[in-house]
């Protein structure tokens, strides 16, 4: 599976879990910010720095998804394995 497909599946899995993924240029904010899971107006949102490489995006999103319960969501085995192996 191609890296972009894996990233797309991770985004879909996040959305199934009720977490919206938003890509932003965090460098343009002028604030030292990192990608990650947060709450905006009570809603869970994963903010992703669009300047990261595809591998960094996969690793960052997989690590964020590992923090939440995904037991009731179907995730392709290859993608679930990436989530399970994330730090």
Protein backbone atom coordinates (compact mmCIF):
# COMPACT_ATOMS: atom_id res chain seq x y z
CA UNK A 1 0.00 0.00 0.00
CA UNK A 2 1.33 3.46 -0.90
CA UNK A 3 2.14 5.96 1.85
CA UNK A 4 -0.53 8.44 0.68
CA UNK A 5 -3.15 5.65 0.82
CA UNK A 6 -2.08 4.77 4.35
CA UNK A 7 -2.38 8.43 5.36
CA UNK A 8 -5.84 8.64 3.77
CA UNK A 9 -6.96 5.51 5.68
CA UNK A 10 -5.63 6.99 8.94
CA UNK A 11 -7.64 10.16 8.32
CA UNK A 12 -10.76 8.09 7.59
CA UNK A 13 -10.22 6.07 10.76
CA UNK A 14 -9.87 9.28 12.74
CA UNK A 15 -13.10 10.64 11.29
CA UNK A 16 -14.92 7.39 12.08
CA UNK A 17 -13.80 7.89 15.68
CA UNK A 18 -15.33 11.38 15.62
CA UNK A 19 -12.05 13.27 15.31
CA UNK A 20 -11.71 15.73 12.47
CA UNK A 21 -8.24 16.09 10.89
CA UNK A 22 -7.27 19.60 9.82
CA UNK A 23 -4.05 20.40 7.97
CA UNK A 24 -2.64 23.84 8.73
CA UNK A 25 0.60 25.65 8.03
CA UNK A 26 1.77 25.84 11.65
CA UNK A 27 4.93 27.74 10.70
CA UNK A 28 2.81 30.66 9.52
CA UNK A 29 1.19 31.09 12.95
CA UNK A 30 4.36 32.50 14.47
CA UNK A 31 3.74 30.34 17.53
CA UNK A 32 5.84 27.31 18.40
CA UNK A 33 3.13 24.70 17.76
CA UNK A 34 3.24 21.00 16.95
CA UNK A 35 0.81 18.62 15.31
CA UNK A 36 -1.45 16.72 17.64
CA UNK A 37 -4.82 15.94 19.13
CA UNK A 38 -6.64 18.80 20.88
CA UNK A 39 -10.11 20.16 21.63
CA UNK A 40 -11.50 23.18 19.84
CA UNK A 41 -14.81 24.47 21.17
CA UNK A 42 -15.33 21.10 22.87
CA UNK A 43 -14.81 19.14 19.65
CA UNK A 44 -11.85 16.74 19.26
CA UNK A 45 -9.63 17.83 16.38
CA UNK A 46 -6.31 16.56 15.14
CA UNK A 47 -4.26 19.47 13.85
CA UNK A 48 -1.63 18.37 11.35
CA UNK A 49 1.22 20.57 10.12
CA UNK A 50 0.93 20.45 6.35
CA UNK A 51 4.69 21.02 6.03
CA UNK A 52 5.51 17.59 7.47
CA UNK A 53 6.60 14.80 5.13
CA UNK A 54 4.07 12.05 4.42
CA UNK A 55 6.02 9.66 6.67
CA UNK A 56 5.96 12.20 9.53
CA UNK A 57 2.22 12.73 9.03
CA UNK A 58 1.58 8.98 9.16
CA UNK A 59 3.67 8.59 12.30
CA UNK A 60 2.09 11.60 14.01
CA UNK A 61 -1.50 10.62 13.20
CA UNK A 62 -0.93 6.96 14.10
CA UNK A 63 0.52 8.02 17.47
CA UNK A 64 -2.51 10.21 18.09
CA UNK A 65 -4.94 7.43 17.17
CA UNK A 66 -3.14 5.05 19.48
CA UNK A 67 -4.21 7.27 22.39
CA UNK A 68 -7.92 6.65 21.84
CA UNK A 69 -10.14 3.58 21.81
CA UNK A 70 -10.67 2.23 18.29
CA UNK A 71 -12.23 -1.08 19.35
CA UNK A 72 -15.63 -0.39 17.74
CA UNK A 73 -14.20 0.87 14.44
CA UNK A 74 -13.20 -1.31 11.51
CA UNK A 75 -9.69 -0.43 10.38
CA UNK A 76 -7.81 -2.30 7.67
CA UNK A 77 -5.35 -4.74 9.28
CA UNK A 78 -2.30 -3.10 7.65
CA UNK A 79 -3.36 0.32 8.94
CA UNK A 80 -4.23 -1.02 12.40
CA UNK A 81 -0.75 -2.56 12.55
CA UNK A 82 0.78 0.86 11.88
CA UNK A 83 -1.32 2.36 14.68
CA UNK A 84 -0.38 -0.45 17.07
CA UNK A 85 3.34 0.01 16.36
CA UNK A 86 3.28 3.80 16.75
CA UNK A 87 5.11 5.26 19.76
